[in-house]
């Protein structure tokens, strides 16, 4: 969950930079992605995937 919060913050920061550079469409995409991350519709499965790779390597 911390990874998702950190990524949300990075996306919002990137959106600010893009807006300052006049790239409003790209900034809106970053804001939309941050909203998706905050909404809970996206789940962090990084630990599960890493666990599967480690299990597969140990076989």
N, C-alpha and C. Protein backbone atom coordinates (compact mmCIF):
# COMPACT_ATOMS: atom_id res chain seq x y z
N UNK A 1 0.82 -1.20 0.00
CA UNK A 1 0.00 0.00 0.00
C UNK A 1 0.86 1.27 0.00
N UNK A 2 2.00 1.21 0.67
CA UNK A 2 2.87 2.38 0.69
C UNK A 2 3.40 2.70 -0.70
N UNK A 3 3.63 1.65 -1.50
CA UNK A 3 4.11 1.88 -2.86
C UNK A 3 3.07 2.64 -3.67
N UNK A 4 1.81 2.30 -3.47
CA UNK A 4 0.74 2.98 -4.21
C UNK A 4 0.62 4.44 -3.79
N UNK A 5 0.74 4.70 -2.50
CA UNK A 5 0.68 6.09 -2.02
C UNK A 5 1.86 6.89 -2.55
N UNK A 6 3.03 6.27 -2.55
CA UNK A 6 4.22 6.96 -3.06
C UNK A 6 4.08 7.24 -4.56
N UNK A 7 3.55 6.28 -5.30
CA UNK A 7 3.37 6.49 -6.73
C UNK A 7 2.32 7.55 -7.01
N UNK A 8 1.29 7.59 -6.19
CA UNK A 8 0.27 8.63 -6.34
C UNK A 8 0.88 10.01 -6.17
N UNK A 9 1.71 10.16 -5.15
CA UNK A 9 2.37 11.44 -4.91
C UNK A 9 3.29 11.82 -6.08
N UNK A 10 4.02 10.82 -6.60
CA UNK A 10 4.91 11.09 -7.74
C UNK A 10 4.11 11.51 -8.97
N UNK A 11 2.97 10.86 -9.18
CA UNK A 11 2.14 11.21 -10.34
C UNK A 11 1.61 12.63 -10.22
N UNK A 12 1.20 13.02 -9.02
CA UNK A 12 0.69 14.38 -8.82
C UNK A 12 1.80 15.41 -9.01
N UNK A 13 3.00 15.10 -8.52
CA UNK A 13 4.14 16.00 -8.72
C UNK A 13 4.47 16.13 -10.21
N UNK A 14 4.45 15.00 -10.90
CA UNK A 14 4.73 15.02 -12.33
C UNK A 14 3.67 15.83 -13.09
N UNK A 15 2.43 15.73 -12.65
CA UNK A 15 1.35 16.50 -13.29
C UNK A 15 1.59 18.00 -13.13
N UNK A 16 2.07 18.41 -11.96
CA UNK A 16 2.37 19.83 -11.74
C UNK A 16 3.46 20.31 -12.70
N UNK A 17 4.51 19.50 -12.84
CA UNK A 17 5.62 19.85 -13.73
C UNK A 17 5.11 19.95 -15.17
N UNK A 18 4.31 18.96 -15.58
CA UNK A 18 3.79 18.97 -16.95
C UNK A 18 2.91 20.19 -17.20
N UNK A 19 2.10 20.56 -16.21
CA UNK A 19 1.24 21.75 -16.37
C UNK A 19 2.09 23.01 -16.51
N UNK A 20 3.16 23.09 -15.71
CA UNK A 20 4.05 24.24 -15.80
C UNK A 20 4.72 24.34 -17.17
N UNK A 21 4.89 23.20 -17.82
CA UNK A 21 5.50 23.18 -19.15
C UNK A 21 4.47 23.32 -20.26
N UNK A 22 3.21 23.48 -19.88
CA UNK A 22 2.16 23.68 -20.87
C UNK A 22 1.61 22.41 -21.49
N UNK A 23 1.88 21.28 -20.89
CA UNK A 23 1.41 19.99 -21.42
C UNK A 23 0.21 19.53 -20.60
N UNK A 24 -0.91 20.21 -20.83
CA UNK A 24 -2.10 19.95 -20.02
C UNK A 24 -2.69 18.56 -20.24
N UNK A 25 -2.65 18.04 -21.45
CA UNK A 25 -3.22 16.72 -21.71
C UNK A 25 -2.44 15.64 -20.96
N UNK A 26 -1.12 15.72 -21.01
CA UNK A 26 -0.29 14.75 -20.29
C UNK A 26 -0.48 14.89 -18.78
N UNK A 27 -0.61 16.12 -18.32
CA UNK A 27 -0.83 16.35 -16.89
C UNK A 27 -2.16 15.75 -16.45
N UNK A 28 -3.17 15.86 -17.28
CA UNK A 28 -4.47 15.29 -16.95
C UNK A 28 -4.40 13.76 -16.86
N UNK A 29 -3.61 13.15 -17.75
CA UNK A 29 -3.44 11.69 -17.70
C UNK A 29 -2.77 11.27 -16.40
N UNK A 30 -1.77 12.06 -15.97
CA UNK A 30 -1.10 11.75 -14.70
C UNK A 30 -2.05 11.91 -13.52
N UNK A 31 -2.87 12.95 -13.55
CA UNK A 31 -3.86 13.16 -12.49
C UNK A 31 -4.88 12.02 -12.48
N UNK A 32 -5.31 11.60 -13.66
CA UNK A 32 -6.27 10.50 -13.75
C UNK A 32 -5.68 9.21 -13.17
N UNK A 33 -4.41 8.96 -13.47
CA UNK A 33 -3.75 7.78 -12.94
C UNK A 33 -3.63 7.87 -11.43
N UNK A 34 -3.32 9.03 -10.91
CA UNK A 34 -3.23 9.21 -9.46
C UNK A 34 -4.60 8.97 -8.82
N UNK A 35 -5.65 9.44 -9.46
CA UNK A 35 -7.00 9.21 -8.95
C UNK A 35 -7.33 7.72 -8.91
N UNK A 36 -6.93 6.98 -9.95
CA UNK A 36 -7.15 5.53 -9.98
C UNK A 36 -6.43 4.85 -8.83
N UNK A 37 -5.19 5.27 -8.59
CA UNK A 37 -4.42 4.66 -7.51
C UNK A 37 -5.06 4.93 -6.15
N UNK A 38 -5.58 6.13 -5.97
CA UNK A 38 -6.22 6.49 -4.69
C UNK A 38 -7.57 5.81 -4.51
N UNK A 39 -8.23 5.51 -5.60
CA UNK A 39 -9.59 4.98 -5.53
C UNK A 39 -9.65 3.56 -4.97
N UNK A 40 -8.56 2.83 -5.07
CA UNK A 40 -8.57 1.45 -4.61
C UNK A 40 -8.89 0.47 -5.73
N UNK A 41 -9.11 0.97 -6.93
CA UNK A 41 -9.39 0.08 -8.06
C UNK A 41 -8.13 -0.63 -8.54
N UNK A 42 -6.98 -0.12 -8.13
CA UNK A 42 -5.70 -0.71 -8.49
C UNK A 42 -5.14 -1.37 -7.24
N UNK A 43 -4.67 -2.60 -7.39
CA UNK A 43 -4.10 -3.29 -6.24
C UNK A 43 -2.62 -3.56 -6.49
N UNK A 44 -1.87 -3.52 -5.41
CA UNK A 44 -0.43 -3.75 -5.49
C UNK A 44 -0.18 -5.25 -5.31
N UNK A 45 0.25 -5.89 -6.36
CA UNK A 45 0.51 -7.33 -6.31
C UNK A 45 2.01 -7.63 -6.42
N UNK A 46 2.82 -6.61 -6.20
CA UNK A 46 4.27 -6.76 -6.33
C UNK A 46 4.79 -7.88 -5.44
N UNK A 47 4.38 -7.91 -4.18
CA UNK A 47 4.87 -8.93 -3.25
C UNK A 47 4.46 -10.33 -3.70
N UNK A 48 3.25 -10.46 -4.22
CA UNK A 48 2.79 -11.77 -4.70
C UNK A 48 3.60 -12.24 -5.89
N UNK A 49 3.86 -11.34 -6.81
CA UNK A 49 4.63 -11.69 -8.00
C UNK A 49 6.06 -12.07 -7.63
N UNK A 50 6.66 -11.30 -6.75
CA UNK A 50 8.03 -11.61 -6.31
C UNK A 50 8.05 -12.97 -5.62
N UNK A 51 7.06 -13.24 -4.81
CA UNK A 51 6.98 -14.55 -4.14
C UNK A 51 6.86 -15.69 -5.13
N UNK A 52 6.08 -15.50 -6.19
CA UNK A 52 5.95 -16.54 -7.20
C UNK A 52 7.26 -16.79 -7.93
N UNK A 53 7.97 -15.72 -8.26
CA UNK A 53 9.27 -15.89 -8.92
C UNK A 53 10.25 -16.61 -8.02
N UNK A 54 10.28 -16.25 -6.77
CA UNK A 54 11.21 -16.91 -5.84
C UNK A 54 10.85 -18.39 -5.68
N UNK A 55 9.57 -18.67 -5.60
CA UNK A 55 9.13 -20.06 -5.49
C UNK A 55 9.55 -20.84 -6.73
N UNK A 56 9.33 -20.24 -7.91
CA UNK A 56 9.65 -20.91 -9.18
C UNK A 56 11.16 -21.15 -9.30
N UNK A 57 11.96 -20.22 -8.82
CA UNK A 57 13.40 -20.38 -8.92
C UNK A 57 13.90 -21.47 -7.98
N UNK A 58 13.20 -21.66 -6.89
CA UNK A 58 13.62 -22.67 -5.91
C UNK A 58 13.25 -24.09 -6.31
N UNK A 59 12.49 -24.26 -7.34
CA UNK A 59 12.05 -25.60 -7.75
C UNK A 59 13.11 -26.30 -8.53
